[in-house]
Amino acid sequence: MGITAGHGPSRRTVALTVTAALTLGGFALGVTRGATGSTAAAATVPGTVVVEEDAHGKVLTADSSVRDKRALVDAVHEQRREKERQTGTPTPTPTPTATGGGGGHGDQTGFPVRDQWLDSAKTRKAAVPGGQGTLSAAGASYVKVPFMEYYAIFTDTSSDVSWLGERPFDADSIEHTDTWDVGSVGAPFWVVGAPQGATVRSTGSNAQASWTTTVKDNWYSEHAYDQVAFYPPNQDDYSNVFRISHSVTGTFQFGSSFYTVTTRARAYS
């Protein structure tokens, strides 16, 4: 692990600049049918319907006309893979600051960043009242971590959870959760830019943002969100990340019964 203590003015500039830039709006959902043709975050796949969105993210579900569930989910996953292929590995681009420090992502010019995609997927079979089928959860988030490992930024998060059974065709409700998690040593991290309504906690050993939405009378839920950042509080505090993960959980209700599937991807440490 890289260790940084009091990394000069640039560390403070990173935290304060991004705090201002990422005071994001969000949304807490009681989901109903909404408009198609979203422009926020990623493009929509035909057959999905945007039910809530703002400049930073959106929630989607399946249109009532969709009958081929697997084809829709496969199309969403292929779009996700294509985005990852196009992204590649970015080159660090220092951002000048008034204090002369590099600031921002890649401020240790010439050193390798530790960026990577966190991908995961999981399915499980379930016998539910009235039938049986497969529960599915999948997600991806691009995490940016500098060489000295003193912050982590999750970007381009997308996830989906689905009930792939035929009987019943829809779940009574689907609770869909994205969780961004960073283990740390030193001063507690700031969590900046989490969706409005997300549960956020931070201690000296862990910082986490967890975002949950609910759709009713459907078989599918999808999230897209642009950025959640984890920063040390100021230049005088020693803070380093050492464990990073993104997880996706779907909890499906059928009558009085609940069924859960969770998938998780961890970064290099």
C-alpha atoms as a PDB file:
ATOM      1  CA  MET A   1       0.000   0.000   0.000  1.00  0.00           C
ATOM      2  CA  GLY A   2       1.178   3.546  -0.665  1.00  0.00           C
ATOM      3  CA  ILE A   3       1.271   5.788   2.382  1.00  0.00           C
ATOM      4  CA  THR A   4       0.682   9.540   2.292  1.00  0.00           C
ATOM      5  CA  ALA A   5       0.699  11.930   5.234  1.00  0.00           C
ATOM      6  CA  GLY A   6       0.087  15.641   4.730  1.00  0.00           C
ATOM      7  CA  HIS A   7       0.512  15.553   0.939  1.00  0.00           C
ATOM      8  CA  GLY A   8       0.873  19.344   0.658  1.00  0.00           C
ATOM      9  CA  PRO A   9      -1.775  21.785  -0.655  1.00  0.00           C
ATOM     10  CA  SER A  10      -2.952  19.476  -3.430  1.00  0.00           C
ATOM     11  CA  ARG A  11      -4.680  17.067  -1.054  1.00  0.00           C
ATOM     12  CA  ARG A  12      -6.786  19.816   0.459  1.00  0.00           C
ATOM     13  CA  THR A  13      -7.551  21.221  -2.972  1.00  0.00           C
ATOM     14  CA  VAL A  14      -8.792  17.814  -4.123  1.00  0.00           C
ATOM     15  CA  ALA A  15     -11.225  17.486  -1.235  1.00  0.00           C
ATOM     16  CA  LEU A  16     -12.586  21.018  -1.263  1.00  0.00           C
ATOM     17  CA  THR A  17     -12.858  21.346  -5.029  1.00  0.00           C
ATOM     18  CA  VAL A  18     -14.686  18.075  -5.440  1.00  0.00           C
ATOM     19  CA  THR A  19     -16.955  18.729  -2.466  1.00  0.00           C
ATOM     20  CA  ALA A  20     -18.213  21.816  -4.242  1.00  0.00           C
ATOM     21  CA  ALA A  21     -18.461  20.138  -7.622  1.00  0.00           C
ATOM     22  CA  LEU A  22     -20.227  17.012  -6.428  1.00  0.00           C
ATOM     23  CA  THR A  23     -22.983  18.398  -4.220  1.00  0.00           C
ATOM     24  CA  LEU A  24     -25.372  16.436  -6.337  1.00  0.00           C
ATOM     25  CA  GLY A  25     -29.122  16.274  -6.535  1.00  0.00           C
ATOM     26  CA  GLY A  26     -30.693  12.847  -6.467  1.00  0.00           C
ATOM     27  CA  PHE A  27     -33.987  11.138  -6.010  1.00  0.00           C
ATOM     28  CA  ALA A  28     -35.911   9.009  -3.577  1.00  0.00           C
ATOM     29  CA  LEU A  29     -38.385   6.857  -5.419  1.00  0.00           C
ATOM     30  CA  GLY A  30     -41.942   5.764  -5.334  1.00  0.00           C
ATOM     31  CA  VAL A  31     -41.683   4.391  -8.857  1.00  0.00           C
ATOM     32  CA  THR A  32     -44.392   4.709 -11.469  1.00  0.00           C
ATOM     33  CA  ARG A  33     -44.367   4.527 -15.257  1.00  0.00           C
ATOM     34  CA  GLY A  34     -42.395   7.385 -16.769  1.00  0.00           C
ATOM     35  CA  ALA A  35     -40.966   8.840 -19.944  1.00  0.00           C
ATOM     36  CA  THR A  36     -38.664   7.122 -22.391  1.00  0.00           C
ATOM     37  CA  GLY A  37     -35.631   8.599 -24.124  1.00  0.00           C
ATOM     38  CA  SER A  38     -33.498   9.501 -21.104  1.00  0.00           C
ATOM     39  CA  THR A  39     -30.354  11.545 -21.667  1.00  0.00           C
ATOM     40  CA  ALA A  40     -28.806  11.150 -18.201  1.00  0.00           C
ATOM     41  CA  ALA A  41     -26.032   8.632 -17.571  1.00  0.00           C
ATOM     42  CA  ALA A  42     -25.986   5.763 -20.080  1.00  0.00           C
ATOM     43  CA  ALA A  43     -28.307   5.391 -23.070  1.00  0.00           C
ATOM     44  CA  THR A  44     -31.402   3.289 -22.596  1.00  0.00           C
ATOM     45  CA  VAL A  45     -31.920  -0.148 -24.118  1.00  0.00           C
ATOM     46  CA  PRO A  46     -35.162  -0.589 -26.108  1.00  0.00           C
ATOM     47  CA  GLY A  47     -37.779  -2.106 -23.828  1.00  0.00           C
ATOM     48  CA  THR A  48     -36.636  -0.229 -20.722  1.00  0.00           C
ATOM     49  CA  VAL A  49     -38.552   2.737 -19.332  1.00  0.00           C
ATOM     50  CA  VAL A  50     -37.044   5.604 -17.344  1.00  0.00           C
ATOM     51  CA  VAL A  51     -39.120   6.128 -14.222  1.00  0.00           C
ATOM     52  CA  GLU A  52     -36.965   8.739 -12.491  1.00  0.00           C
ATOM     53  CA  GLU A  53     -33.871  10.704 -13.448  1.00  0.00           C
ATOM     54  CA  ASP A  54     -31.833  13.822 -12.855  1.00  0.00           C
ATOM     55  CA  ALA A  55     -28.559  15.164 -14.243  1.00  0.00           C
ATOM     56  CA  HIS A  56     -26.531  12.485 -12.450  1.00  0.00           C
ATOM     57  CA  GLY A  57     -28.446   9.247 -12.712  1.00  0.00           C
ATOM     58  CA  LYS A  58     -31.639   7.406 -13.370  1.00  0.00           C
ATOM     59  CA  VAL A  59     -33.797   4.432 -12.468  1.00  0.00           C
ATOM     60  CA  LEU A  60     -35.456   2.270 -15.100  1.00  0.00           C
ATOM     61  CA  THR A  61     -37.793  -0.677 -15.264  1.00  0.00           C
ATOM     62  CA  ALA A  62     -39.156  -2.901 -18.060  1.00  0.00           C
ATOM     63  CA  ASP A  63     -41.942  -1.742 -20.313  1.00  0.00           C
ATOM     64  CA  SER A  64     -45.127  -3.788 -19.925  1.00  0.00           C
ATOM     65  CA  SER A  65     -44.870  -4.864 -23.583  1.00  0.00           C
ATOM     66  CA  VAL A  66     -41.635  -6.816 -22.994  1.00  0.00           C
ATOM     67  CA  ARG A  67     -42.197 -10.583 -22.907  1.00  0.00           C
ATOM     68  CA  ASP A  68     -38.693 -11.905 -23.588  1.00  0.00           C
ATOM     69  CA  LYS A  69     -36.979 -11.168 -20.292  1.00  0.00           C
ATOM     70  CA  ARG A  70     -33.629 -12.753 -21.077  1.00  0.00           C
ATOM     71  CA  ALA A  71     -33.295 -10.873 -24.359  1.00  0.00           C
ATOM     72  CA  LEU A  72     -33.749  -7.561 -22.543  1.00  0.00           C
ATOM     73  CA  VAL A  73     -31.264  -8.419 -19.796  1.00  0.00           C
ATOM     74  CA  ASP A  74     -28.739  -9.698 -22.361  1.00  0.00           C
ATOM     75  CA  ALA A  75     -29.042  -6.417 -24.298  1.00  0.00           C
ATOM     76  CA  VAL A  76     -28.430  -4.369 -21.143  1.00  0.00           C
ATOM     77  CA  HIS A  77     -25.366  -6.449 -20.266  1.00  0.00           C
ATOM     78  CA  GLU A  78     -23.980  -6.186 -23.793  1.00  0.00           C
ATOM     79  CA  GLN A  79     -24.354  -2.402 -23.698  1.00  0.00           C
ATOM     80  CA  ARG A  80     -22.447  -2.405 -20.397  1.00  0.00           C
ATOM     81  CA  ARG A  81     -19.639  -4.536 -21.827  1.00  0.00           C
ATOM     82  CA  GLU A  82     -19.384  -2.284 -24.885  1.00  0.00           C
ATOM     83  CA  LYS A  83     -18.985   0.778 -22.686  1.00  0.00           C
ATOM     84  CA  GLU A  84     -16.197  -0.934 -20.777  1.00  0.00           C
ATOM     85  CA  ARG A  85     -14.426  -1.831 -24.026  1.00  0.00           C
ATOM     86  CA  GLN A  86     -14.605   1.793 -25.152  1.00  0.00           C
ATOM     87  CA  THR A  87     -13.390   3.227 -21.849  1.00  0.00           C
ATOM     88  CA  GLY A  88     -10.041   1.449 -21.654  1.00  0.00           C
ATOM     89  CA  THR A  89      -7.451   2.708 -19.184  1.00  0.00           C
ATOM     90  CA  PRO A  90      -7.330   6.512 -18.910  1.00  0.00           C
ATOM     91  CA  THR A  91      -4.092   8.488 -18.722  1.00  0.00           C
ATOM     92  CA  PRO A  92      -3.757  10.639 -15.573  1.00  0.00           C
ATOM     93  CA  THR A  93      -4.510  14.284 -16.346  1.00  0.00           C
ATOM     94  CA  PRO A  94      -3.461  16.649 -13.547  1.00  0.00           C
ATOM     95  CA  THR A  95      -5.796  19.582 -12.898  1.00  0.00           C
ATOM     96  CA  PRO A  96      -3.952  22.860 -12.142  1.00  0.00           C
ATOM     97  CA  THR A  97      -4.983  24.651  -8.969  1.00  0.00           C
ATOM     98  CA  ALA A  98      -4.546  28.116  -7.536  1.00  0.00           C
ATOM     99  CA  THR A  99      -1.959  26.781  -5.081  1.00  0.00           C
ATOM    100  CA  GLY A 100       0.123  25.225  -7.842  1.00  0.00           C
ATOM    101  CA  GLY A 101      -0.570  21.666  -6.756  1.00  0.00           C
ATOM    102  CA  GLY A 102      -1.630  19.040  -9.241  1.00  0.00           C
ATOM    103  CA  GLY A 103      -4.931  18.263  -7.560  1.00  0.00           C
ATOM    104  CA  GLY A 104      -7.571  15.913  -8.849  1.00  0.00           C
ATOM    105  CA  HIS A 105      -7.236  12.440 -10.267  1.00  0.00           C
ATOM    106  CA  GLY A 106      -3.738  11.502 -11.418  1.00  0.00           C
ATOM    107  CA  ASP A 107      -1.982  14.277  -9.511  1.00  0.00           C
ATOM    108  CA  GLN A 108       1.130  12.121  -9.030  1.00  0.00           C
ATOM    109  CA  THR A 109       2.227  12.636 -12.624  1.00  0.00           C
ATOM    110  CA  GLY A 110       4.366   9.849 -13.961  1.00  0.00           C
ATOM    111  CA  PHE A 111       3.101   7.246 -11.499  1.00  0.00           C
ATOM    112  CA  PRO A 112       0.596   4.539 -12.441  1.00  0.00           C
ATOM    113  CA  VAL A 113      -2.966   5.026 -11.259  1.00  0.00           C
ATOM    114  CA  ARG A 114      -4.833   2.015  -9.900  1.00  0.00           C
ATOM    115  CA  ASP A 115      -8.055   2.441 -11.866  1.00  0.00           C
ATOM    116  CA  GLN A 116     -10.183  -0.539 -12.809  1.00  0.00           C
ATOM    117  CA  TRP A 117     -13.672  -1.737 -13.642  1.00  0.00           C
ATOM    118  CA  LEU A 118     -15.480  -3.588 -10.872  1.00  0.00           C
ATOM    119  CA  ASP A 119     -17.750  -6.130 -12.583  1.00  0.00           C
ATOM    120  CA  SER A 120     -19.890  -8.789 -10.985  1.00  0.00           C
ATOM    121  CA  ALA A 121     -22.956 -10.930 -11.662  1.00  0.00           C
ATOM    122  CA  LYS A 122     -24.838 -13.628  -9.795  1.00  0.00           C
ATOM    123  CA  THR A 123     -27.954 -15.725 -10.299  1.00  0.00           C
ATOM    124  CA  ARG A 124     -29.868 -18.048  -8.000  1.00  0.00           C
ATOM    125  CA  LYS A 125     -32.864 -20.274  -8.525  1.00  0.00           C
ATOM    126  CA  ALA A 126     -35.904 -19.750  -6.364  1.00  0.00           C
ATOM    127  CA  ALA A 127     -39.215 -21.497  -5.838  1.00  0.00           C
ATOM    128  CA  VAL A 128     -41.746 -18.734  -5.207  1.00  0.00           C
ATOM    129  CA  PRO A 129     -45.487 -18.831  -4.513  1.00  0.00           C
ATOM    130  CA  GLY A 130     -47.089 -19.900  -7.772  1.00  0.00           C
ATOM    131  CA  GLY A 131     -43.946 -20.952  -9.638  1.00  0.00           C
ATOM    132  CA  GLN A 132     -40.180 -20.975  -9.868  1.00  0.00           C
ATOM    133  CA  GLY A 133     -37.447 -19.155 -11.746  1.00  0.00           C
ATOM    134  CA  THR A 134     -34.115 -17.367 -11.490  1.00  0.00           C
ATOM    135  CA  LEU A 135     -33.151 -14.242  -9.603  1.00  0.00           C
ATOM    136  CA  SER A 136     -30.375 -12.182 -11.186  1.00  0.00           C
ATOM    137  CA  ALA A 137     -28.152  -9.288 -10.074  1.00  0.00           C
ATOM    138  CA  ALA A 138     -25.341  -7.675 -12.074  1.00  0.00           C
ATOM    139  CA  GLY A 139     -23.385  -4.444 -11.971  1.00  0.00           C
ATOM    140  CA  ALA A 140     -20.324  -2.471 -12.965  1.00  0.00           C
ATOM    141  CA  SER A 141     -18.558   0.596 -11.594  1.00  0.00           C
ATOM    142  CA  TYR A 142     -15.283   2.192 -12.664  1.00  0.00           C
ATOM    143  CA  VAL A 143     -13.164   3.037  -9.617  1.00  0.00           C
ATOM    144  CA  LYS A 144     -10.405   5.639  -9.838  1.00  0.00           C
ATOM    145  CA  VAL A 145      -7.602   5.374  -7.284  1.00  0.00           C
ATOM    146  CA  PRO A 146      -4.339   7.361  -7.448  1.00  0.00           C
ATOM    147  CA  PHE A 147      -0.925   5.788  -6.991  1.00  0.00           C
ATOM    148  CA  MET A 148      -0.705   6.876  -3.343  1.00  0.00           C
ATOM    149  CA  GLU A 149      -4.194   5.454  -2.654  1.00  0.00           C
ATOM    150  CA  TYR A 150      -5.546   8.350  -0.615  1.00  0.00           C
ATOM    151  CA  TYR A 151      -8.974   8.572  -2.264  1.00  0.00           C
ATOM    152  CA  ALA A 152     -11.365   6.518  -4.423  1.00  0.00           C
ATOM    153  CA  ILE A 153     -13.922   7.732  -6.971  1.00  0.00           C
ATOM    154  CA  PHE A 154     -16.606   5.416  -8.364  1.00  0.00           C
ATOM    155  CA  THR A 155     -17.820   6.528 -11.815  1.00  0.00           C
ATOM    156  CA  ASP A 156     -20.183   5.164 -14.473  1.00  0.00           C
ATOM    157  CA  THR A 157     -22.033   2.854 -12.103  1.00  0.00           C
ATOM    158  CA  SER A 158     -24.733   0.726 -13.714  1.00  0.00           C
ATOM    159  CA  SER A 159     -26.612  -2.212 -12.243  1.00  0.00           C
ATOM    160  CA  ASP A 160     -29.705  -4.333 -12.739  1.00  0.00           C
ATOM    161  CA  VAL A 161     -31.722  -6.906 -10.826  1.00  0.00           C
ATOM    162  CA  SER A 162     -34.359  -9.142 -12.382  1.00  0.00           C
ATOM    163  CA  TRP A 163     -36.831 -11.958 -11.823  1.00  0.00           C
ATOM    164  CA  LEU A 164     -36.537 -14.322 -14.803  1.00  0.00           C
ATOM    165  CA  GLY A 165     -39.403 -16.647 -13.953  1.00  0.00           C
ATOM    166  CA  GLU A 166     -42.535 -16.964 -16.067  1.00  0.00           C
ATOM    167  CA  ARG A 167     -45.017 -17.707 -13.296  1.00  0.00           C
ATOM    168  CA  PRO A 168     -45.706 -15.270 -11.778  1.00  0.00           C
ATOM    169  CA  PHE A 169     -44.440 -12.971 -14.516  1.00  0.00           C
ATOM    170  CA  ASP A 170     -43.880  -9.992 -12.180  1.00  0.00           C
ATOM    171  CA  ALA A 171     -42.797  -9.632  -8.581  1.00  0.00           C
ATOM    172  CA  ASP A 172     -45.058  -7.666  -6.249  1.00  0.00           C
ATOM    173  CA  SER A 173     -42.095  -5.400  -5.539  1.00  0.00           C
ATOM    174  CA  ILE A 174     -38.350  -5.232  -6.152  1.00  0.00           C
ATOM    175  CA  GLU A 175     -35.995  -3.447  -3.782  1.00  0.00           C
ATOM    176  CA  HIS A 176     -32.764  -2.597  -5.630  1.00  0.00           C
ATOM    177  CA  THR A 177     -29.602  -1.493  -3.794  1.00  0.00           C
ATOM    178  CA  ASP A 178     -26.198  -0.281  -4.981  1.00  0.00           C
ATOM    179  CA  THR A 179     -23.508  -0.108  -2.298  1.00  0.00           C
ATOM    180  CA  TRP A 180     -20.130   1.599  -2.701  1.00  0.00           C
ATOM    181  CA  ASP A 181     -17.710   0.620   0.049  1.00  0.00           C
ATOM    182  CA  VAL A 182     -14.174   1.712   0.951  1.00  0.00           C
ATOM    183  CA  GLY A 183     -12.080   0.305   3.788  1.00  0.00           C
ATOM    184  CA  SER A 184      -9.581   2.777   5.193  1.00  0.00           C
ATOM    185  CA  VAL A 185      -7.001   3.547   7.813  1.00  0.00           C
ATOM    186  CA  GLY A 186      -6.577   6.962   9.388  1.00  0.00           C
ATOM    187  CA  ALA A 187      -9.097   9.777   9.540  1.00  0.00           C
ATOM    188  CA  PRO A 188     -12.696   8.995   8.460  1.00  0.00           C
ATOM    189  CA  PHE A 189     -13.353   9.655   4.779  1.00  0.00           C
ATOM    190  CA  TRP A 190     -15.868  12.101   3.367  1.00  0.00           C
ATOM    191  CA  VAL A 191     -18.496  10.540   1.106  1.00  0.00           C
ATOM    192  CA  VAL A 192     -19.228  13.095  -1.615  1.00  0.00           C
ATOM    193  CA  GLY A 193     -21.908  12.952  -4.311  1.00  0.00           C
ATOM    194  CA  ALA A 194     -24.024  10.023  -3.095  1.00  0.00           C
ATOM    195  CA  PRO A 195     -27.610  10.009  -4.440  1.00  0.00           C
ATOM    196  CA  GLN A 196     -30.140  11.911  -2.357  1.00  0.00           C
ATOM    197  CA  GLY A 197     -31.746   9.509   0.075  1.00  0.00           C
ATOM    198  CA  ALA A 198     -28.725   7.194   0.138  1.00  0.00           C
ATOM    199  CA  THR A 199     -27.572   5.865   3.496  1.00  0.00           C
ATOM    200  CA  VAL A 200     -24.039   7.157   4.166  1.00  0.00           C
ATOM    201  CA  ARG A 201     -21.725   6.219   7.000  1.00  0.00           C
ATOM    202  CA  SER A 202     -18.059   6.824   7.716  1.00  0.00           C
ATOM    203  CA  THR A 203     -15.744   5.650  10.508  1.00  0.00           C
ATOM    204  CA  GLY A 204     -11.995   5.404  10.874  1.00  0.00           C
ATOM    205  CA  SER A 205     -12.019   2.000   9.196  1.00  0.00           C
ATOM    206  CA  ASN A 206     -14.827   2.126   6.640  1.00  0.00           C
ATOM    207  CA  ALA A 207     -16.899   4.516   4.515  1.00  0.00           C
ATOM    208  CA  GLN A 208     -20.003   3.440   2.636  1.00  0.00           C
ATOM    209  CA  ALA A 209     -22.866   4.807   0.554  1.00  0.00           C
ATOM    210  CA  SER A 210     -25.912   2.596  -0.036  1.00  0.00           C
ATOM    211  CA  TRP A 211     -28.690   3.623  -2.459  1.00  0.00           C
ATOM    212  CA  THR A 212     -32.013   1.769  -2.489  1.00  0.00           C
ATOM    213  CA  THR A 213     -35.051   2.226  -4.736  1.00  0.00           C
ATOM    214  CA  THR A 214     -38.239   0.181  -5.130  1.00  0.00           C
ATOM    215  CA  VAL A 215     -40.376  -0.730  -8.137  1.00  0.00           C
ATOM    216  CA  LYS A 216     -43.737  -2.453  -7.894  1.00  0.00           C
ATOM    217  CA  ASP A 217     -45.517  -4.957 -10.131  1.00  0.00           C
ATOM    218  CA  ASN A 218     -42.566  -5.532 -12.428  1.00  0.00           C
ATOM    219  CA  TRP A 219     -39.781  -8.046 -12.937  1.00  0.00           C
ATOM    220  CA  TYR A 220     -36.867  -5.675 -13.597  1.00  0.00           C
ATOM    221  CA  SER A 221     -35.032  -2.710 -12.051  1.00  0.00           C
ATOM    222  CA  GLU A 222     -31.992  -0.840 -13.372  1.00  0.00           C
ATOM    223  CA  HIS A 223     -29.775   1.907 -11.907  1.00  0.00           C
ATOM    224  CA  ALA A 224     -27.293   4.290 -13.539  1.00  0.00           C
ATOM    225  CA  TYR A 225     -25.296   6.838 -11.542  1.00  0.00           C
ATOM    226  CA  ASP A 226     -22.371   8.999 -12.565  1.00  0.00           C
ATOM    227  CA  GLN A 227     -20.073   9.518  -9.574  1.00  0.00           C
ATOM    228  CA  VAL A 228     -19.609   8.845  -5.844  1.00  0.00           C
ATOM    229  CA  ALA A 229     -16.317   9.942  -4.270  1.00  0.00           C
ATOM    230  CA  PHE A 230     -14.516   9.036  -1.041  1.00  0.00           C
ATOM    231  CA  TYR A 231     -12.017  11.703   0.115  1.00  0.00           C
ATOM    232  CA  PRO A 232      -9.822  12.303   3.167  1.00  0.00           C
ATOM    233  CA  PRO A 233     -10.988  15.321   5.183  1.00  0.00           C
ATOM    234  CA  ASN A 234      -7.904  17.584   4.855  1.00  0.00           C
ATOM    235  CA  GLN A 235      -4.193  17.758   4.183  1.00  0.00           C
ATOM    236  CA  ASP A 236      -3.160  17.171   7.788  1.00  0.00           C
ATOM    237  CA  ASP A 237      -4.992  13.886   8.217  1.00  0.00           C
ATOM    238  CA  TYR A 238      -3.387  10.595   7.317  1.00  0.00           C
ATOM    239  CA  SER A 239      -5.906   8.532   5.329  1.00  0.00           C
ATOM    240  CA  ASN A 240      -5.457   5.629   2.939  1.00  0.00           C
ATOM    241  CA  VAL A 241      -7.856   3.241   1.228  1.00  0.00           C
ATOM    242  CA  PHE A 242      -7.103  -0.454   1.360  1.00  0.00           C
ATOM    243  CA  ARG A 243     -10.329  -2.261   0.464  1.00  0.00           C
ATOM    244  CA  ILE A 244     -12.762  -1.171  -2.257  1.00  0.00           C
ATOM    245  CA  SER A 245     -15.966  -2.823  -3.476  1.00  0.00           C
ATOM    246  CA  HIS A 246     -19.236  -2.286  -5.330  1.00  0.00           C
ATOM    247  CA  SER A 247     -22.205  -4.549  -4.639  1.00  0.00           C
ATOM    248  CA  VAL A 248     -25.710  -4.946  -6.059  1.00  0.00           C
ATOM    249  CA  THR A 249     -28.632  -6.497  -4.180  1.00  0.00           C
ATOM    250  CA  GLY A 250     -32.142  -7.321  -5.330  1.00  0.00           C
ATOM    251  CA  THR A 251     -34.865  -8.272  -2.851  1.00  0.00           C
ATOM    252  CA  PHE A 252     -38.006  -9.584  -4.531  1.00  0.00           C
ATOM    253  CA  GLN A 253     -41.397  -9.807  -2.844  1.00  0.00           C
ATOM    254  CA  PHE A 254     -43.999 -12.393  -3.843  1.00  0.00           C
ATOM    255  CA  GLY A 255     -46.981 -12.194  -1.509  1.00  0.00           C
ATOM    256  CA  SER A 256     -45.592 -12.387   2.013  1.00  0.00           C
ATOM    257  CA  SER A 257     -42.330 -14.045   0.920  1.00  0.00           C
ATOM    258  CA  PHE A 258     -39.022 -12.315   0.135  1.00  0.00           C
ATOM    259  CA  TYR A 259     -36.053 -13.575  -1.893  1.00  0.00           C
ATOM    260  CA  THR A 260     -32.645 -11.925  -2.175  1.00  0.00           C
ATOM    261  CA  VAL A 261     -29.691 -12.122  -4.546  1.00  0.00           C
ATOM    262  CA  THR A 262     -26.433 -10.164  -4.082  1.00  0.00           C
ATOM    263  CA  THR A 263     -23.335  -9.778  -6.222  1.00  0.00           C
ATOM    264  CA  ARG A 264     -20.096  -8.001  -5.290  1.00  0.00           C
ATOM    265  CA  ALA A 265     -16.852  -7.021  -7.023  1.00  0.00           C
ATOM    266  CA  ARG A 266     -13.692  -6.026  -5.139  1.00  0.00           C
ATOM    267  CA  ALA A 267     -10.773  -3.946  -6.356  1.00  0.00           C
ATOM    268  CA  TYR A 268      -7.082  -4.832  -6.239  1.00  0.00           C
ATOM    269  CA  SER A 269      -6.830  -4.719  -2.447  1.00  0.00           C
END
